[in-house]
Amino acid sequence: MDVRAWRRFRRNKGAVAGALLVTVVLLLAALGPLLAPFPPDLQFTDALDRATGLPVGAGGKYLLGADQLGRDELSRILQGGQTSLGVALGATVLAVGAGLLIGLLAGYLGGPVDAVSMRGIDILLSLPFLLVAIVVNRVVDSPSLLVLCGLLGGLSWMTLARITRAKTMQVRELEFVQAARAMGMSQARIIARHVLPNVVQPAIILGTTLVAQMIVAESAMSFLGLGVRPPAATWGTMLSDGATMLSYKPMLTYLPSAMIALTVFGFNLLGEGLRDALDPKV
């Protein structure tokens, strides 16, 4: 980010607020094991009311209360954030990498490479996400974090590939690229040194907002039982567990919902701020 872009970013209060919010959430996720007062899967008998069997409320030994199995809610929120953000960031890295690579090759080489790539993207865009998730869930008995990252990333790179392709087709006709081609530079070197730096900007912006989409997608899958298996905590599984206690302990639903909403809001604000700072003409 150059000096002018940085100044535009700093003047954007929404972008700064988004950056601060994202930083706080990432720090909580990274330091979760150190900040958690208890092991997230440990069950406590004193966390359940002996008369009613309901989990205790916030305060005292359990700062945010306990869940229906007597596990500390704060510890599970921290572990859930680490898991949910880990899956979202991993899927985003895969999606951005695949989108950049395929978009660059399709846009620069054109011809059969472009035609096959675009038809493949059309096919992938026609696949219902939930149906693919159910199929994967049935094929893979207990999906790991890598499987979830691969699934989410594999179904999320197509838009970036199309944007990168269109930008690459513009850049490849510029004079400095034609000059490099006339000097005998290899195609790989031209793409890496001259084309990629000029098309990576949309990937940064889209990648930021894509993290928010991946958090929502992972939470939805976990809520439906298609994500990480218990007892591992994600915000989606906590939301699903809390829904069964909504009439008695609504905080079990409100807490993970608030974390999902704040994190998605922060990444969206950051993405919009980066877009305005890097491309003020939009």
Protein backbone atom coordinates (compact mmCIF):
# COMPACT_ATOMS: atom_id res chain seq x y z
CA MET A 1 0.00 0.00 0.00
CA ASP A 2 1.54 3.31 -1.11
CA VAL A 3 1.55 6.49 0.97
CA ARG A 4 -1.54 8.01 -0.68
CA ALA A 5 -3.53 4.81 -0.28
CA TRP A 6 -2.49 4.59 3.37
CA ARG A 7 -3.65 8.17 3.96
CA ARG A 8 -7.01 7.44 2.35
CA PHE A 9 -7.33 4.33 4.51
CA ARG A 10 -6.54 6.23 7.73
CA ARG A 11 -9.13 8.92 6.92
CA ASN A 12 -11.82 6.25 6.49
CA LYS A 13 -13.25 5.76 9.99
CA GLY A 14 -15.12 2.64 8.97
CA ALA A 15 -11.96 1.05 7.59
CA VAL A 16 -10.00 1.84 10.74
CA ALA A 17 -12.80 0.46 12.92
CA GLY A 18 -12.89 -2.69 10.81
CA ALA A 19 -9.13 -3.11 11.05
CA LEU A 20 -9.22 -2.72 14.84
CA LEU A 21 -12.10 -5.17 15.17
CA VAL A 22 -10.38 -7.74 12.97
CA THR A 23 -7.13 -7.31 14.91
CA VAL A 24 -8.87 -7.90 18.24
CA VAL A 25 -10.66 -11.01 16.96
CA LEU A 26 -7.47 -12.44 15.45
CA LEU A 27 -5.56 -11.82 18.67
CA LEU A 28 -8.27 -13.53 20.72
CA ALA A 29 -8.19 -16.50 18.37
CA ALA A 30 -4.40 -16.72 18.36
CA LEU A 31 -4.08 -16.36 22.13
CA GLY A 32 -7.17 -18.44 22.90
CA PRO A 33 -5.33 -21.38 24.50
CA LEU A 34 -3.48 -18.97 26.80
CA LEU A 35 -6.53 -16.90 27.71
CA ALA A 36 -8.97 -19.76 28.24
CA PRO A 37 -9.51 -20.31 31.98
CA PHE A 38 -10.32 -24.02 31.52
CA PRO A 39 -9.88 -26.76 28.91
CA PRO A 40 -12.78 -26.20 26.49
CA ASP A 41 -13.97 -29.83 26.57
CA LEU A 42 -13.78 -30.28 30.36
CA GLN A 43 -17.15 -30.79 32.03
CA PHE A 44 -17.82 -29.48 35.55
CA THR A 45 -20.53 -30.82 37.82
CA ASP A 46 -20.81 -27.51 39.65
CA ALA A 47 -21.54 -25.75 36.34
CA LEU A 48 -25.01 -27.32 36.30
CA ASP A 49 -27.75 -26.45 38.75
CA ARG A 50 -28.52 -29.52 40.83
CA ALA A 51 -32.22 -28.73 41.10
CA THR A 52 -32.99 -27.93 37.45
CA GLY A 53 -30.01 -29.36 35.57
CA LEU A 54 -29.64 -26.06 33.71
CA PRO A 55 -26.20 -24.49 33.23
CA VAL A 56 -25.17 -21.70 35.55
CA GLY A 57 -25.22 -18.12 34.36
CA ALA A 58 -22.41 -15.65 33.91
CA GLY A 59 -20.29 -14.55 36.84
CA GLY A 60 -18.13 -16.08 39.48
CA LYS A 61 -16.00 -19.03 38.45
CA TYR A 62 -17.48 -19.11 34.95
CA LEU A 63 -17.25 -15.59 33.55
CA LEU A 64 -19.66 -16.20 30.67
CA GLY A 65 -21.50 -19.08 32.26
CA ALA A 66 -21.50 -22.72 31.15
CA ASP A 67 -23.21 -24.73 28.42
CA GLN A 68 -25.70 -27.58 28.79
CA LEU A 69 -22.90 -30.09 29.39
CA GLY A 70 -21.20 -28.04 32.09
CA ARG A 71 -18.36 -26.72 29.95
CA ASP A 72 -16.99 -23.21 30.39
CA GLU A 73 -18.56 -20.96 27.76
CA LEU A 74 -15.65 -18.49 27.60
CA SER A 75 -13.14 -21.25 26.91
CA ARG A 76 -15.34 -22.65 24.15
CA ILE A 77 -15.88 -19.21 22.60
CA LEU A 78 -12.11 -18.77 22.37
CA GLN A 79 -11.54 -22.24 20.95
CA GLY A 80 -14.47 -21.79 18.57
CA GLY A 81 -12.98 -18.56 17.28
CA GLN A 82 -9.65 -20.23 16.67
CA THR A 83 -11.28 -23.06 14.74
CA SER A 84 -13.72 -20.94 12.75
CA LEU A 85 -11.11 -18.34 11.81
CA GLY A 86 -8.56 -21.04 11.01
CA VAL A 87 -10.95 -22.70 8.55
CA ALA A 88 -12.00 -19.35 7.06
CA LEU A 89 -8.44 -18.09 6.59
CA GLY A 90 -7.24 -21.42 5.21
CA ALA A 91 -10.12 -21.58 2.73
CA THR A 92 -9.50 -17.97 1.70
CA VAL A 93 -5.80 -18.63 1.03
CA LEU A 94 -6.72 -21.60 -1.16
CA ALA A 95 -9.42 -19.65 -2.99
CA VAL A 96 -7.20 -16.60 -3.60
CA GLY A 97 -4.28 -18.77 -4.75
CA ALA A 98 -6.41 -20.81 -7.16
CA GLY A 99 -8.28 -17.75 -8.44
CA LEU A 100 -5.09 -15.81 -9.12
CA LEU A 101 -3.33 -18.71 -10.81
CA ILE A 102 -6.20 -19.75 -13.08
CA GLY A 103 -7.19 -16.17 -13.83
CA LEU A 104 -3.63 -15.22 -14.77
CA LEU A 105 -3.14 -18.22 -17.04
CA ALA A 106 -6.54 -17.88 -18.69
CA GLY A 107 -6.19 -14.15 -19.24
CA TYR A 108 -2.59 -14.14 -20.44
CA LEU A 109 -2.49 -17.31 -22.55
CA GLY A 110 -6.03 -17.12 -23.92
CA GLY A 111 -7.10 -19.64 -26.54
CA PRO A 112 -7.90 -23.18 -25.37
CA VAL A 113 -6.62 -22.49 -21.85
CA ASP A 114 -9.05 -19.61 -21.49
CA ALA A 115 -11.96 -21.51 -23.00
CA VAL A 116 -11.49 -24.61 -20.83
CA SER A 117 -10.98 -22.54 -17.69
CA MET A 118 -14.10 -20.44 -18.22
CA ARG A 119 -16.28 -23.46 -19.01
CA GLY A 120 -14.96 -25.20 -15.91
CA ILE A 121 -15.84 -22.14 -13.84
CA ASP A 122 -19.35 -22.13 -15.31
CA ILE A 123 -19.79 -25.75 -14.27
CA LEU A 124 -18.51 -25.14 -10.73
CA LEU A 125 -20.74 -22.08 -10.31
CA SER A 126 -23.75 -24.22 -11.19
CA LEU A 127 -23.11 -26.64 -8.31
CA PRO A 128 -25.29 -26.06 -5.22
CA PHE A 129 -22.96 -25.48 -2.30
CA LEU A 130 -25.11 -27.23 0.28
CA LEU A 131 -25.53 -30.31 -1.93
CA VAL A 132 -21.76 -30.59 -2.40
CA ALA A 133 -21.24 -30.17 1.35
CA ILE A 134 -23.70 -33.00 2.06
CA VAL A 135 -21.98 -35.29 -0.47
CA VAL A 136 -18.56 -34.58 1.05
CA ASN A 137 -19.99 -35.16 4.50
CA ARG A 138 -21.25 -38.57 3.44
CA VAL A 139 -18.05 -39.57 1.64
CA VAL A 140 -15.75 -38.35 4.43
CA ASP A 141 -17.08 -39.79 7.68
CA SER A 142 -15.45 -37.20 9.94
CA PRO A 143 -14.35 -34.09 7.98
CA SER A 144 -11.10 -32.61 9.26
CA LEU A 145 -10.19 -28.94 9.18
CA LEU A 146 -8.17 -29.53 5.99
CA VAL A 147 -11.18 -31.12 4.29
CA LEU A 148 -13.37 -28.16 5.25
CA CYS A 149 -10.74 -25.70 4.02
CA GLY A 150 -10.48 -27.58 0.74
CA LEU A 151 -14.25 -27.72 0.30
CA LEU A 152 -14.85 -24.05 1.07
CA GLY A 153 -11.82 -22.87 -0.88
CA GLY A 154 -12.59 -25.14 -3.83
CA LEU A 155 -16.05 -23.63 -4.21
CA SER A 156 -15.07 -19.98 -3.70
CA TRP A 157 -12.28 -19.10 -6.16
CA MET A 158 -14.30 -18.68 -9.37
CA THR A 159 -15.31 -15.03 -8.97
CA LEU A 160 -11.73 -13.99 -8.27
CA ALA A 161 -10.53 -16.01 -11.29
CA ARG A 162 -12.93 -14.14 -13.56
CA ILE A 163 -11.90 -10.75 -12.18
CA THR A 164 -8.20 -11.64 -12.48
CA ARG A 165 -8.70 -12.90 -16.04
CA ALA A 166 -10.37 -9.65 -17.12
CA LYS A 167 -7.65 -7.55 -15.49
CA THR A 168 -4.91 -9.72 -17.00
CA MET A 169 -6.36 -9.33 -20.51
CA GLN A 170 -6.05 -5.57 -20.07
CA VAL A 171 -2.53 -5.64 -18.65
CA ARG A 172 -1.10 -8.01 -21.28
CA GLU A 173 -1.75 -5.40 -23.99
CA LEU A 174 0.10 -2.61 -22.19
CA GLU A 175 3.36 -1.34 -23.69
CA PHE A 176 5.71 -2.52 -20.92
CA VAL A 177 4.39 -6.08 -21.22
CA GLN A 178 4.76 -6.04 -25.00
CA ALA A 179 8.27 -4.65 -24.59
CA ALA A 180 9.19 -7.46 -22.21
CA ARG A 181 7.80 -9.97 -24.69
CA ALA A 182 9.81 -8.39 -27.52
CA MET A 183 12.99 -8.66 -25.42
CA GLY A 184 12.53 -12.42 -25.28
CA MET A 185 11.46 -12.79 -21.66
CA SER A 186 9.74 -16.06 -20.88
CA GLN A 187 5.99 -16.08 -20.33
CA ALA A 188 6.41 -17.24 -16.74
CA ARG A 189 8.77 -14.34 -15.99
CA ILE A 190 6.49 -11.80 -17.65
CA ILE A 191 3.51 -13.05 -15.65
CA ALA A 192 5.43 -13.06 -12.38
CA ARG A 193 7.26 -9.74 -12.76
CA HIS A 194 4.94 -7.57 -14.84
CA VAL A 195 1.40 -8.94 -14.88
CA LEU A 196 0.90 -10.28 -11.34
CA PRO A 197 1.83 -7.02 -9.50
CA ASN A 198 -0.79 -5.20 -11.58
CA VAL A 199 -3.65 -7.66 -10.98
CA VAL A 200 -3.08 -8.59 -7.34
CA GLN A 201 -4.93 -5.55 -5.97
CA PRO A 202 -8.46 -6.94 -6.58
CA ALA A 203 -7.34 -10.22 -4.97
CA ILE A 204 -6.40 -8.40 -1.76
CA ILE A 205 -9.75 -6.62 -1.61
CA LEU A 206 -11.85 -9.66 -2.52
CA GLY A 207 -9.80 -11.92 -0.25
CA THR A 208 -10.62 -9.74 2.76
CA THR A 209 -14.37 -9.91 2.18
CA LEU A 210 -14.05 -13.59 1.29
CA VAL A 211 -12.91 -14.33 4.85
CA ALA A 212 -16.25 -13.01 6.09
CA GLN A 213 -18.11 -15.23 3.62
CA MET A 214 -16.08 -18.26 4.71
CA ILE A 215 -16.90 -17.62 8.37
CA VAL A 216 -20.62 -17.56 7.56
CA ALA A 217 -20.33 -20.67 5.36
CA GLU A 218 -18.39 -22.63 7.99
CA SER A 219 -20.81 -21.59 10.71
CA ALA A 220 -23.78 -22.64 8.58
CA MET A 221 -22.19 -26.03 7.85
CA SER A 222 -21.36 -26.61 11.51
CA PHE A 223 -24.86 -25.53 12.54
CA LEU A 224 -26.31 -28.15 10.18
CA GLY A 225 -23.92 -30.84 11.42
CA LEU A 226 -21.83 -30.84 8.23
CA GLY A 227 -18.70 -29.31 9.73
CA VAL A 228 -16.25 -30.22 12.46
CA ARG A 229 -17.51 -33.00 14.69
CA PRO A 230 -18.06 -32.55 18.46
CA PRO A 231 -16.54 -32.12 20.95
CA ALA A 232 -14.44 -29.65 18.96
CA ALA A 233 -15.95 -26.19 19.27
CA THR A 234 -16.70 -23.80 16.45
CA TRP A 235 -19.05 -20.84 16.61
CA GLY A 236 -21.44 -22.74 14.34
CA THR A 237 -21.59 -25.83 16.56
CA MET A 238 -22.01 -23.63 19.65
CA LEU A 239 -24.88 -21.88 17.90
CA SER A 240 -26.47 -25.24 17.13
CA ASP A 241 -26.02 -26.48 20.70
CA GLY A 242 -27.35 -23.24 22.15
CA ALA A 243 -30.48 -23.38 19.97
CA THR A 244 -31.69 -26.38 21.97
CA MET A 245 -31.52 -24.26 25.14
CA LEU A 246 -32.86 -21.03 23.65
CA SER A 247 -35.93 -20.88 25.90
CA TYR A 248 -33.89 -21.44 29.07
CA LYS A 249 -30.43 -19.99 28.42
CA PRO A 250 -30.57 -17.62 25.41
CA MET A 251 -27.01 -16.40 26.09
CA LEU A 252 -25.73 -19.74 24.77
CA THR A 253 -27.09 -18.64 21.37
CA TYR A 254 -26.43 -14.91 21.66
CA LEU A 255 -22.70 -15.19 22.43
CA PRO A 256 -21.56 -17.18 19.35
CA SER A 257 -24.04 -15.22 17.20
CA ALA A 258 -22.49 -11.95 18.37
CA MET A 259 -18.95 -13.20 17.67
CA ILE A 260 -19.92 -14.29 14.15
CA ALA A 261 -21.69 -11.00 13.44
CA LEU A 262 -18.86 -8.81 14.80
CA THR A 263 -16.17 -10.74 12.94
CA VAL A 264 -18.05 -10.67 9.63
CA PHE A 265 -18.82 -6.97 10.12
CA GLY A 266 -15.16 -6.22 10.82
CA PHE A 267 -13.86 -8.04 7.74
CA ASN A 268 -16.49 -6.40 5.52
CA LEU A 269 -15.58 -2.94 6.83
CA LEU A 270 -11.90 -3.70 6.26
CA GLY A 271 -12.55 -4.95 2.73
CA GLU A 272 -14.57 -1.86 1.80
CA GLY A 273 -11.89 0.36 3.31
CA LEU A 274 -9.16 -1.35 1.29
CA ARG A 275 -11.24 -1.01 -1.86
CA ASP A 276 -11.73 2.72 -1.31
CA ALA A 277 -8.05 3.22 -0.43
CA LEU A 278 -6.53 1.17 -3.25
CA ASP A 279 -9.00 2.11 -5.97
CA PRO A 280 -10.55 5.50 -5.14
CA LYS A 281 -12.18 5.73 -8.60
CA VAL A 282 -14.63 2.92 -7.71
